[in-house]
Amino acid sequence: MLLSELGGLIGLKMAGKDKEITGLNTLELAGPSELSFLANAKYEAALKTTKAAAIVLEEKYADQVESALISENPYMDLAKAMHVFSRPQGCVDGIHELAFIHPDAQVDESATVYPFAFIGKGAKVGPNCKVFSGTYVGEDVVIGPGCIIYPNCSIMAGTVIGTGVIIQPGSVIGGDGFGYAQVSGKHMKIPQIGTVELQDQVEVGANTCIDRAALDVTRIGAGTKIDNLVQIAHNVTTGEDCLVISQSGVAGSTKLGNSVILAAQAGLVDNIKIGDGAMIGAQAGVTNDVPAGFMGAGSPLLEKGNFLRSSIYHRKLPDMAKKMSALEKRIKALEAELSKED
């Protein structure tokens, strides 16, 4: 594909020579037919050494390279170019004869269903969806247009999935929430009779679990992206455009506002509220409500400034302990001298 053609596809103006582009790579690794990008000024020096055929960059850097696509947001526009070159997963079209489709299910004729997928009674699969092998779609599940359900996912009964949702391999959507009552020292299971709703453009990472609500709905807001190996418990709700990073856990009935970010391994207790735009650092332990716009880390959670100061003091603890020990010895020596004088 010519650079000029690619620019036309993603809405960017070309500068310099037109060249054949066969792929994309970093400034360091790009070859003479690959497109790269400059999104951070600290890598500007690499423009002189890169072998890339062309660079996606801001106009102020254009005179440093032979060929370029001019962008106000190079990182975002590179992502658009990656969509052009990405290869879709899979090699099946239509509904394979080895898939099980319940007679009372509705699967749009434009959908693709791979062999050994299961579509249960009353389920609805919308236009242009892909349901890969080993996937279980339970009773009365609704899957909106353009969704991709990768291999070995379990979409349990009653789950509602919006438009353009992507669910990566091995995820479980709508499994029972973790609900038990204590009866004479034993754990009695509480039936989880609610549902899960994934709104439009949600993405769920591999081997992530989103539990069905006990009574109402576990809801993931539109545009939210959830990484691999995340646990979302029953009755949790998130706002729109949240990011939940790998190995985080959100306990039951907790509510996340819009554009909340949970970094890796963050842990949130049940029944708390996280305000819009809050950013929770990696391995944080969150036990109370968090206001909108909050930035913090640590366990227990501290505001960013306090966390950074605490981290500095924490590194100094060994030296502080030595000084404390030395001071204690001096005090004891002084006390001994004073006692002799008395």
Protein backbone atom coordinates (compact mmCIF):
# COMPACT_ATOMS: atom_id res chain seq x y z
CA MET A 1 0.00 0.00 0.00
CA LEU A 2 1.32 3.44 -0.90
CA LEU A 3 1.87 5.94 1.89
CA SER A 4 -0.50 8.36 0.16
CA GLU A 5 -3.23 5.69 0.09
CA LEU A 6 -2.74 4.94 3.78
CA GLY A 7 -2.89 8.64 4.59
CA GLY A 8 -6.18 8.92 2.73
CA LEU A 9 -7.63 5.98 4.67
CA ILE A 10 -6.81 7.44 8.08
CA GLY A 11 -7.30 11.10 7.19
CA LEU A 12 -3.70 12.36 7.27
CA LYS A 13 -1.77 14.60 4.88
CA MET A 14 1.40 13.16 3.35
CA ALA A 15 4.66 15.11 3.27
CA GLY A 16 7.68 14.17 1.14
CA LYS A 17 8.10 11.15 -1.12
CA ASP A 18 5.40 8.57 -1.66
CA LYS A 19 6.56 5.08 -0.69
CA GLU A 20 5.29 1.53 -0.46
CA ILE A 21 4.29 0.62 3.12
CA THR A 22 4.06 -3.04 4.13
CA GLY A 23 3.74 -2.79 7.91
CA LEU A 24 4.43 -0.84 11.10
CA ASN A 25 7.16 -0.86 13.72
CA THR A 26 9.05 1.23 16.28
CA LEU A 27 11.59 3.86 15.27
CA GLU A 28 14.37 1.55 16.41
CA LEU A 29 13.18 -1.61 14.66
CA ALA A 30 11.32 -0.35 11.57
CA GLY A 31 12.62 -1.49 8.19
CA PRO A 32 12.76 0.39 4.88
CA SER A 33 9.15 -0.46 3.97
CA GLU A 34 7.60 0.08 7.41
CA LEU A 35 5.78 3.02 8.96
CA SER A 36 6.78 4.28 12.42
CA PHE A 37 5.76 7.17 14.67
CA LEU A 38 7.09 9.91 16.95
CA ALA A 39 4.76 10.59 19.86
CA ASN A 40 7.26 11.75 22.46
CA ALA A 41 9.79 14.54 21.92
CA LYS A 42 12.49 12.70 23.87
CA TYR A 43 12.82 10.26 20.96
CA GLU A 44 13.38 13.00 18.38
CA ALA A 45 17.05 12.03 17.94
CA ALA A 46 15.91 8.63 16.60
CA LEU A 47 14.57 10.37 13.49
CA LYS A 48 18.18 10.65 12.29
CA THR A 49 18.96 6.92 12.70
CA THR A 50 15.69 5.15 11.95
CA LYS A 51 15.40 3.05 8.80
CA ALA A 52 11.63 3.49 8.62
CA ALA A 53 10.14 4.35 5.24
CA ALA A 54 7.95 7.06 6.77
CA ILE A 55 6.99 8.51 10.13
CA VAL A 56 3.69 9.61 11.64
CA LEU A 57 4.60 12.85 13.42
CA GLU A 58 3.67 16.44 14.16
CA GLU A 59 4.28 18.97 11.42
CA LYS A 60 7.15 20.68 13.29
CA TYR A 61 9.28 17.53 12.83
CA ALA A 62 8.44 16.94 9.16
CA ASP A 63 11.58 18.56 7.75
CA GLN A 64 13.75 15.97 9.52
CA VAL A 65 12.49 12.98 7.51
CA GLU A 66 12.12 12.07 3.89
CA SER A 67 8.49 10.92 4.12
CA ALA A 68 5.83 11.55 6.72
CA LEU A 69 2.16 11.57 7.60
CA ILE A 70 1.32 14.77 9.44
CA SER A 71 -0.68 14.24 12.62
CA GLU A 72 -1.82 16.23 15.65
CA ASN A 73 -1.91 13.01 17.68
CA PRO A 74 0.66 10.54 16.27
CA TYR A 75 0.00 7.78 18.78
CA MET A 76 -3.73 7.77 18.07
CA ASP A 77 -3.24 7.93 14.31
CA LEU A 78 -0.73 5.09 14.43
CA ALA A 79 -3.47 3.04 16.09
CA LYS A 80 -5.72 3.84 13.11
CA ALA A 81 -2.98 2.64 10.75
CA MET A 82 -2.62 -0.54 12.78
CA HIS A 83 -6.29 -1.25 12.17
CA VAL A 84 -5.60 -1.07 8.43
CA PHE A 85 -2.79 -3.64 8.66
CA SER A 86 -4.22 -5.91 11.35
CA ARG A 87 -5.32 -9.38 10.32
CA PRO A 88 -8.66 -10.50 11.71
CA GLN A 89 -8.64 -13.73 13.69
CA GLY A 90 -10.37 -16.73 12.21
CA CYS A 91 -11.04 -18.49 8.91
CA VAL A 92 -14.72 -19.46 9.02
CA ASP A 93 -17.67 -17.66 7.43
CA GLY A 94 -21.29 -18.29 8.29
CA ILE A 95 -22.69 -20.80 10.73
CA HIS A 96 -20.66 -24.00 10.79
CA GLU A 97 -22.58 -27.26 10.68
CA LEU A 98 -20.81 -28.47 13.83
CA ALA A 99 -22.06 -25.55 15.92
CA PHE A 100 -25.12 -26.18 18.11
CA ILE A 101 -27.85 -23.60 17.60
CA HIS A 102 -31.00 -24.19 19.66
CA PRO A 103 -34.16 -24.12 17.50
CA ASP A 104 -35.50 -21.23 19.60
CA ALA A 105 -32.32 -19.16 19.27
CA GLN A 106 -32.02 -16.31 16.74
CA VAL A 107 -28.70 -15.92 14.93
CA ASP A 108 -28.45 -13.22 12.29
CA GLU A 109 -27.58 -14.59 8.86
CA SER A 110 -24.53 -12.33 8.67
CA ALA A 111 -23.06 -13.75 11.92
CA THR A 112 -20.25 -16.29 12.04
CA VAL A 113 -20.49 -19.21 14.46
CA TYR A 114 -17.54 -21.58 14.66
CA PRO A 115 -17.68 -25.37 15.14
CA PHE A 116 -18.41 -26.57 18.65
CA ALA A 117 -19.90 -23.28 19.81
CA PHE A 118 -23.19 -23.59 21.75
CA ILE A 119 -26.05 -21.11 21.34
CA GLY A 120 -28.81 -21.77 23.88
CA LYS A 121 -32.57 -21.46 23.90
CA GLY A 122 -33.89 -17.93 23.41
CA ALA A 123 -30.45 -16.46 22.75
CA LYS A 124 -30.06 -13.70 20.13
CA VAL A 125 -26.85 -13.13 18.18
CA GLY A 126 -26.83 -9.90 16.18
CA PRO A 127 -25.50 -8.94 12.74
CA ASN A 128 -21.80 -9.39 11.92
CA CYS A 129 -20.98 -11.10 15.20
CA LYS A 130 -18.31 -13.77 15.54
CA VAL A 131 -18.70 -16.57 18.06
CA PHE A 132 -15.59 -18.75 18.18
CA SER A 133 -15.19 -22.45 19.02
CA GLY A 134 -15.76 -23.67 22.53
CA THR A 135 -17.94 -20.71 23.49
CA TYR A 136 -21.09 -21.27 25.51
CA VAL A 137 -23.92 -18.77 25.01
CA GLY A 138 -26.63 -19.47 27.56
CA GLU A 139 -30.40 -19.09 27.54
CA ASP A 140 -31.85 -15.69 26.65
CA VAL A 141 -28.45 -14.06 26.16
CA VAL A 142 -28.57 -11.02 23.86
CA ILE A 143 -25.44 -10.21 21.83
CA GLY A 144 -25.61 -6.94 19.89
CA PRO A 145 -24.21 -6.17 16.43
CA GLY A 146 -20.53 -6.50 15.62
CA CYS A 147 -19.42 -8.36 18.73
CA ILE A 148 -16.50 -10.80 18.84
CA ILE A 149 -16.61 -13.64 21.36
CA TYR A 150 -13.25 -15.42 21.22
CA PRO A 151 -12.71 -19.15 21.98
CA ASN A 152 -13.77 -20.86 25.19
CA CYS A 153 -15.79 -18.02 26.67
CA SER A 154 -18.85 -18.66 28.83
CA ILE A 155 -21.71 -16.18 28.46
CA MET A 156 -24.21 -17.29 31.07
CA ALA A 157 -27.99 -17.07 30.87
CA GLY A 158 -29.62 -13.65 30.70
CA THR A 159 -26.47 -11.68 29.94
CA VAL A 160 -26.99 -8.63 27.70
CA ILE A 161 -24.12 -7.49 25.48
CA GLY A 162 -24.20 -4.24 23.51
CA THR A 163 -22.73 -3.23 20.15
CA GLY A 164 -19.09 -3.81 19.22
CA VAL A 165 -18.13 -5.67 22.39
CA ILE A 166 -14.98 -7.83 22.36
CA ILE A 167 -14.55 -10.69 24.83
CA GLN A 168 -11.12 -12.33 24.82
CA PRO A 169 -10.54 -16.09 25.24
CA GLY A 170 -11.50 -17.88 28.41
CA SER A 171 -13.60 -15.17 30.03
CA VAL A 172 -16.72 -15.93 32.06
CA ILE A 173 -19.54 -13.39 31.90
CA GLY A 174 -22.47 -13.97 34.24
CA GLY A 175 -21.13 -16.71 36.50
CA ASP A 176 -22.65 -16.79 39.97
CA GLY A 177 -21.65 -14.03 42.34
CA PHE A 178 -19.88 -15.10 45.53
CA GLY A 179 -22.81 -15.04 47.91
CA TYR A 180 -23.21 -17.20 51.04
CA ALA A 181 -25.09 -17.00 54.32
CA GLN A 182 -23.69 -18.39 57.57
CA VAL A 183 -26.01 -21.03 59.04
CA SER A 184 -24.84 -22.94 62.11
CA GLY A 185 -21.23 -22.51 61.06
CA LYS A 186 -21.92 -23.71 57.53
CA HIS A 187 -21.93 -21.75 54.26
CA MET A 188 -25.36 -21.77 52.58
CA LYS A 189 -25.33 -20.65 48.96
CA ILE A 190 -27.49 -17.62 48.10
CA PRO A 191 -28.89 -17.98 44.56
CA GLN A 192 -27.65 -15.26 42.23
CA ILE A 193 -30.69 -14.44 40.11
CA GLY A 194 -29.64 -11.11 38.59
CA THR A 195 -27.88 -10.49 35.26
CA VAL A 196 -24.85 -8.87 33.64
CA GLU A 197 -24.95 -6.03 31.11
CA LEU A 198 -21.95 -5.07 28.98
CA GLN A 199 -22.70 -1.79 27.23
CA ASP A 200 -21.45 -0.72 23.79
CA GLN A 201 -17.74 -0.94 22.89
CA VAL A 202 -16.71 -2.72 26.08
CA GLU A 203 -13.67 -5.01 25.87
CA VAL A 204 -13.07 -7.83 28.34
CA GLY A 205 -9.60 -9.41 28.60
CA ALA A 206 -8.68 -13.08 28.65
CA ASN A 207 -9.70 -15.16 31.67
CA THR A 208 -11.57 -12.30 33.29
CA CYS A 209 -14.70 -13.00 35.35
CA ILE A 210 -17.68 -10.68 35.66
CA ASP A 211 -20.24 -12.12 38.07
CA ARG A 212 -23.98 -11.93 37.72
CA ALA A 213 -25.83 -9.80 40.26
CA ALA A 214 -27.58 -11.32 43.22
CA LEU A 215 -30.85 -9.53 42.40
CA ASP A 216 -30.38 -6.67 39.95
CA VAL A 217 -27.58 -6.19 37.38
CA THR A 218 -23.80 -6.06 37.22
CA ARG A 219 -23.22 -3.31 34.66
CA ILE A 220 -20.07 -2.39 32.73
CA GLY A 221 -20.40 1.08 31.19
CA ALA A 222 -19.92 1.90 27.52
CA GLY A 223 -16.33 2.15 26.33
CA THR A 224 -14.84 0.52 29.42
CA LYS A 225 -11.81 -1.70 28.82
CA ILE A 226 -11.01 -4.53 31.22
CA ASP A 227 -7.65 -6.29 31.11
CA ASN A 228 -6.81 -9.98 31.54
CA LEU A 229 -7.33 -11.81 34.84
CA VAL A 230 -9.66 -9.27 36.43
CA GLN A 231 -12.44 -10.13 38.90
CA ILE A 232 -15.61 -8.01 38.87
CA ALA A 233 -17.99 -9.16 41.61
CA HIS A 234 -21.78 -9.22 41.76
CA ASN A 235 -23.74 -5.96 41.59
CA VAL A 236 -20.68 -3.88 40.66
CA THR A 237 -21.39 -1.02 38.26
CA THR A 238 -18.88 1.02 36.30
CA GLY A 239 -19.34 4.28 34.47
CA GLU A 240 -18.22 4.88 30.91
CA ASP A 241 -14.64 4.66 29.60
CA CYS A 242 -13.06 3.11 32.67
CA LEU A 243 -9.78 1.18 32.53
CA VAL A 244 -9.36 -1.83 34.81
CA ILE A 245 -5.87 -3.31 34.57
CA SER A 246 -4.72 -6.91 35.03
CA GLN A 247 -5.33 -8.79 38.28
CA SER A 248 -7.45 -6.08 39.84
CA GLY A 249 -10.42 -7.12 41.94
CA VAL A 250 -13.61 -5.16 42.60
CA ALA A 251 -15.80 -6.52 45.38
CA GLY A 252 -19.58 -6.66 45.39
CA SER A 253 -21.84 -3.62 44.93
CA THR A 254 -18.95 -1.17 44.50
CA LYS A 255 -19.65 1.65 42.04
CA LEU A 256 -17.08 3.21 39.72
CA GLY A 257 -17.75 6.57 38.09
CA ASN A 258 -16.82 7.57 34.55
CA SER A 259 -13.19 7.35 33.35
CA VAL A 260 -11.90 5.65 36.50
CA ILE A 261 -8.51 3.93 36.18
CA LEU A 262 -7.58 0.95 38.36
CA ALA A 263 -3.92 0.00 37.89
CA ALA A 264 -2.68 -3.59 38.12
CA GLN A 265 -3.60 -5.61 41.22
CA ALA A 266 -5.70 -2.87 42.77
CA GLY A 267 -8.14 -4.29 45.30
CA LEU A 268 -11.46 -2.60 46.16
CA VAL A 269 -13.68 -3.68 49.03
CA ASP A 270 -17.44 -3.99 48.68
CA ASN A 271 -20.04 -1.22 48.80
CA ILE A 272 -17.80 1.79 48.15
CA LYS A 273 -17.97 4.53 45.52
CA ILE A 274 -15.13 5.69 43.29
CA GLY A 275 -15.67 9.17 41.82
CA ASP A 276 -15.34 10.21 38.18
CA GLY A 277 -11.80 10.36 36.85
CA ALA A 278 -10.16 8.80 39.92
CA MET A 279 -6.83 7.03 39.36
CA ILE A 280 -5.90 4.19 41.71
CA GLY A 281 -2.29 2.99 41.64
CA ALA A 282 -0.96 -0.55 41.31
CA GLN A 283 -1.49 -2.90 44.26
CA ALA A 284 -3.55 -0.29 46.09
CA GLY A 285 -5.94 -1.39 48.80
CA VAL A 286 -9.12 0.72 48.70
CA THR A 287 -11.39 0.46 51.74
CA ASN A 288 -13.37 3.71 51.63
CA ASP A 289 -15.12 5.99 49.13
CA VAL A 290 -12.81 7.90 46.79
CA PRO A 291 -13.73 11.41 45.55
CA ALA A 292 -13.80 12.45 41.90
CA GLY A 293 -10.41 13.29 40.43
CA PHE A 294 -8.49 11.57 43.22
CA MET A 295 -5.01 10.18 42.46
CA GLY A 296 -3.46 7.79 44.92
CA ALA A 297 -1.73 4.52 45.68
CA GLY A 298 -0.70 2.28 48.55
CA SER A 299 -2.43 -0.10 50.93
CA PRO A 300 -4.24 1.41 52.68
CA LEU A 301 -4.83 3.96 49.94
CA LEU A 302 -3.07 7.32 50.28
CA GLU A 303 -3.33 10.50 48.24
CA LYS A 304 -0.54 10.65 45.64
CA GLY A 305 1.57 13.26 47.46
CA ASN A 306 1.31 11.49 50.80
CA PHE A 307 2.10 8.17 49.16
CA LEU A 308 5.24 9.52 47.51
CA ARG A 309 6.45 11.11 50.76
CA SER A 310 5.72 7.90 52.65
CA SER A 311 7.67 5.92 50.05
CA ILE A 312 10.71 8.15 50.59
CA TYR A 313 10.53 7.70 54.37
CA HIS A 314 10.01 3.96 53.94
CA ARG A 315 13.31 3.64 52.09
CA LYS A 316 15.05 5.53 54.89
CA LEU A 317 13.71 3.28 57.68
CA PRO A 318 16.86 1.10 57.99
CA ASP A 319 19.07 4.18 58.46
CA MET A 320 16.53 5.74 60.79
CA ALA A 321 16.48 2.54 62.86
CA LYS A 322 20.28 2.65 63.21
CA LYS A 323 20.17 6.29 64.29
CA MET A 324 17.38 5.49 66.77
CA SER A 325 19.41 2.66 68.25
CA ALA A 326 22.45 4.91 68.56
CA LEU A 327 20.35 7.60 70.26
CA GLU A 328 18.92 5.07 72.71
CA LYS A 329 22.43 3.98 73.66
CA ARG A 330 23.50 7.60 74.21
CA ILE A 331 20.45 8.27 76.36
CA LYS A 332 21.16 5.20 78.49
CA ALA A 333 24.79 6.31 78.90
CA LEU A 334 23.70 9.80 79.96
CA GLU A 335 21.19 8.37 82.39
CA ALA A 336 23.93 6.17 83.89
CA GLU A 337 26.24 9.18 84.35
CA LEU A 338 23.47 11.22 85.97
CA SER A 339 22.63 8.41 88.36
CA LYS A 340 26.29 8.26 89.49
CA GLU A 341 26.30 12.00 90.23
CA ASP A 342 23.20 11.60 92.38
